[in-house]
C-alpha atoms as a PDB file:
ATOM      1  CA  UNK A   1      68.123  48.419 106.939  1.00  0.00           C
ATOM      2  CA  UNK A   2      67.521  52.177 106.825  1.00  0.00           C
ATOM      3  CA  UNK A   3      64.235  51.634 105.008  1.00  0.00           C
ATOM      4  CA  UNK A   4      63.086  49.018 107.521  1.00  0.00           C
ATOM      5  CA  UNK A   5      63.543  51.536 110.339  1.00  0.00           C
ATOM      6  CA  UNK A   6      61.901  54.358 108.374  1.00  0.00           C
ATOM      7  CA  UNK A   7      58.861  52.192 107.644  1.00  0.00           C
ATOM      8  CA  UNK A   8      58.262  51.899 111.384  1.00  0.00           C
ATOM      9  CA  UNK A   9      58.095  55.637 112.112  1.00  0.00           C
ATOM     10  CA  UNK A  10      54.542  56.133 113.359  1.00  0.00           C
ATOM     11  CA  UNK A  11      52.051  58.443 111.687  1.00  0.00           C
ATOM     12  CA  UNK A  12      52.368  61.933 113.143  1.00  0.00           C
ATOM     13  CA  UNK A  13      55.936  61.390 114.365  1.00  0.00           C
ATOM     14  CA  UNK A  14      59.390  62.121 112.925  1.00  0.00           C
ATOM     15  CA  UNK A  15      62.938  60.983 113.479  1.00  0.00           C
ATOM     16  CA  UNK A  16      66.341  62.183 112.352  1.00  0.00           C
ATOM     17  CA  UNK A  17      68.960  60.822 110.011  1.00  0.00           C
ATOM     18  CA  UNK A  18      71.342  60.591 112.972  1.00  0.00           C
ATOM     19  CA  UNK A  19      68.871  58.710 115.161  1.00  0.00           C
ATOM     20  CA  UNK A  20      68.455  56.071 112.455  1.00  0.00           C
ATOM     21  CA  UNK A  21      72.239  55.823 111.995  1.00  0.00           C
ATOM     22  CA  UNK A  22      72.787  55.489 115.727  1.00  0.00           C
ATOM     23  CA  UNK A  23      70.110  52.800 116.027  1.00  0.00           C
ATOM     24  CA  UNK A  24      71.773  50.823 113.234  1.00  0.00           C
ATOM     25  CA  UNK A  25      75.121  50.985 115.028  1.00  0.00           C
ATOM     26  CA  UNK A  26      76.679  53.468 112.637  1.00  0.00           C
ATOM     27  CA  UNK A  27      76.619  56.630 114.741  1.00  0.00           C
ATOM     28  CA  UNK A  28      78.144  59.475 112.765  1.00  0.00           C
ATOM     29  CA  UNK A  29      76.734  58.183 109.481  1.00  0.00           C
ATOM     30  CA  UNK A  30      73.729  60.484 109.243  1.00  0.00           C
ATOM     31  CA  UNK A  31      74.739  61.521 105.714  1.00  0.00           C
ATOM     32  CA  UNK A  32      74.665  57.937 104.544  1.00  0.00           C
ATOM     33  CA  UNK A  33      71.145  57.604 105.955  1.00  0.00           C
ATOM     34  CA  UNK A  34      70.260  60.798 104.083  1.00  0.00           C
ATOM     35  CA  UNK A  35      71.565  59.357 100.838  1.00  0.00           C
ATOM     36  CA  UNK A  36      69.522  56.208 101.370  1.00  0.00           C
ATOM     37  CA  UNK A  37      66.416  58.278 102.078  1.00  0.00           C
ATOM     38  CA  UNK A  38      66.997  60.345  98.939  1.00  0.00           C
ATOM     39  CA  UNK A  39      66.954  57.131  96.922  1.00  0.00           C
ATOM     40  CA  UNK A  40      63.785  55.908  98.623  1.00  0.00           C
ATOM     41  CA  UNK A  41      61.602  58.100  96.424  1.00  0.00           C
ATOM     42  CA  UNK A  42      62.252  55.727  93.517  1.00  0.00           C
ATOM     43  CA  UNK A  43      61.276  52.763  95.630  1.00  0.00           C
ATOM     44  CA  UNK A  44      57.853  51.167  95.402  1.00  0.00           C
ATOM     45  CA  UNK A  45      57.974  50.044  99.038  1.00  0.00           C
ATOM     46  CA  UNK A  46      56.090  53.098 100.348  1.00  0.00           C
ATOM     47  CA  UNK A  47      58.844  54.511 102.578  1.00  0.00           C
ATOM     48  CA  UNK A  48      57.595  57.517 104.618  1.00  0.00           C
ATOM     49  CA  UNK A  49      60.729  59.550 103.878  1.00  0.00           C
ATOM     50  CA  UNK A  50      58.936  62.782 104.777  1.00  0.00           C
ATOM     51  CA  UNK A  51      59.120  61.688 108.425  1.00  0.00           C
ATOM     52  CA  UNK A  52      62.936  61.867 108.471  1.00  0.00           C
ATOM     53  CA  UNK A  53      64.425  65.298 109.173  1.00  0.00           C
ATOM     54  CA  UNK A  54      67.730  66.655 110.390  1.00  0.00           C
ATOM     55  CA  UNK A  55      68.608  66.773 114.091  1.00  0.00           C
ATOM     56  CA  UNK A  56      67.179  70.275 114.436  1.00  0.00           C
ATOM     57  CA  UNK A  57      63.903  69.420 112.726  1.00  0.00           C
ATOM     58  CA  UNK A  58      64.807  71.126 109.468  1.00  0.00           C
ATOM     59  CA  UNK A  59      63.225  69.753 106.298  1.00  0.00           C
ATOM     60  CA  UNK A  60      66.606  69.332 104.616  1.00  0.00           C
ATOM     61  CA  UNK A  61      65.362  66.705 102.151  1.00  0.00           C
ATOM     62  CA  UNK A  62      62.356  68.680 100.930  1.00  0.00           C
ATOM     63  CA  UNK A  63      63.701  69.182  97.406  1.00  0.00           C
ATOM     64  CA  UNK A  64      63.477  65.412  96.807  1.00  0.00           C
ATOM     65  CA  UNK A  65      59.679  65.402  97.028  1.00  0.00           C
ATOM     66  CA  UNK A  66      58.898  66.998  93.664  1.00  0.00           C
ATOM     67  CA  UNK A  67      58.130  70.445  95.043  1.00  0.00           C
ATOM     68  CA  UNK A  68      59.327  72.784  97.764  1.00  0.00           C
ATOM     69  CA  UNK A  69      56.188  72.418  99.864  1.00  0.00           C
ATOM     70  CA  UNK A  70      55.323  68.729  99.397  1.00  0.00           C
ATOM     71  CA  UNK A  71      57.291  67.451 102.402  1.00  0.00           C
ATOM     72  CA  UNK A  72      55.792  70.154 104.610  1.00  0.00           C
ATOM     73  CA  UNK A  73      52.288  69.383 103.342  1.00  0.00           C
ATOM     74  CA  UNK A  74      52.743  65.677 104.086  1.00  0.00           C
ATOM     75  CA  UNK A  75      53.917  66.409 107.625  1.00  0.00           C
ATOM     76  CA  UNK A  76      51.154  68.934 108.249  1.00  0.00           C
ATOM     77  CA  UNK A  77      48.557  66.442 107.014  1.00  0.00           C
ATOM     78  CA  UNK A  78      49.731  64.236 109.922  1.00  0.00           C
ATOM     79  CA  UNK A  79      49.270  67.053 112.435  1.00  0.00           C
ATOM     80  CA  UNK A  80      52.927  68.114 112.636  1.00  0.00           C
ATOM     81  CA  UNK A  81      53.464  71.871 112.844  1.00  0.00           C
ATOM     82  CA  UNK A  82      56.075  73.249 110.433  1.00  0.00           C
ATOM     83  CA  UNK A  83      57.203  76.873 110.265  1.00  0.00           C
ATOM     84  CA  UNK A  84      60.007  78.235 108.087  1.00  0.00           C
ATOM     85  CA  UNK A  85      60.973  74.729 106.919  1.00  0.00           C
ATOM     86  CA  UNK A  86      61.431  73.525 110.501  1.00  0.00           C
ATOM     87  CA  UNK A  87      59.280  71.402 112.777  1.00  0.00           C
ATOM     88  CA  UNK A  88      57.967  73.435 115.686  1.00  0.00           C
ATOM     89  CA  UNK A  89      58.319  71.714 119.055  1.00  0.00           C
ATOM     90  CA  UNK A  90      60.394  68.844 117.652  1.00  0.00           C
ATOM     91  CA  UNK A  91      60.503  67.094 121.033  1.00  0.00           C
ATOM     92  CA  UNK A  92      56.742  66.584 120.883  1.00  0.00           C
ATOM     93  CA  UNK A  93      56.919  64.709 117.569  1.00  0.00           C
ATOM     94  CA  UNK A  94      60.334  63.044 117.832  1.00  0.00           C
ATOM     95  CA  UNK A  95      60.413  59.248 117.634  1.00  0.00           C
ATOM     96  CA  UNK A  96      63.689  57.620 118.717  1.00  0.00           C
ATOM     97  CA  UNK A  97      64.154  54.157 117.201  1.00  0.00           C
ATOM     98  CA  UNK A  98      66.699  53.302 119.918  1.00  0.00           C
ATOM     99  CA  UNK A  99      63.936  53.654 122.520  1.00  0.00           C
ATOM    100  CA  UNK A 100      61.065  52.256 120.457  1.00  0.00           C
ATOM    101  CA  UNK A 101      62.598  49.338 118.554  1.00  0.00           C
ATOM    102  CA  UNK A 102      64.640  46.301 119.466  1.00  0.00           C
ATOM    103  CA  UNK A 103      67.478  45.113 117.271  1.00  0.00           C
END
């Protein structure tokens, strides 16, 4: 279910592990969403895991992309501004599945 939500994050937008957990009815399970996202890199389903960050916009999962700058490069290629491993102006780019999707 985590992957189905992540697949719907629009180009140029990001969400958080906690927002996905909350949408799925498991508020407080952000770490479990993080674990699922970490495993998504082995998946052939084309999950845009780079669009999932922590609640403060930090690129906490960047080491799972095969290089320290790959996650940042992917986000920047979509027009998202990243400085010091953190999304600048997170509110501008934040996508909340609870507001955008229906269960």
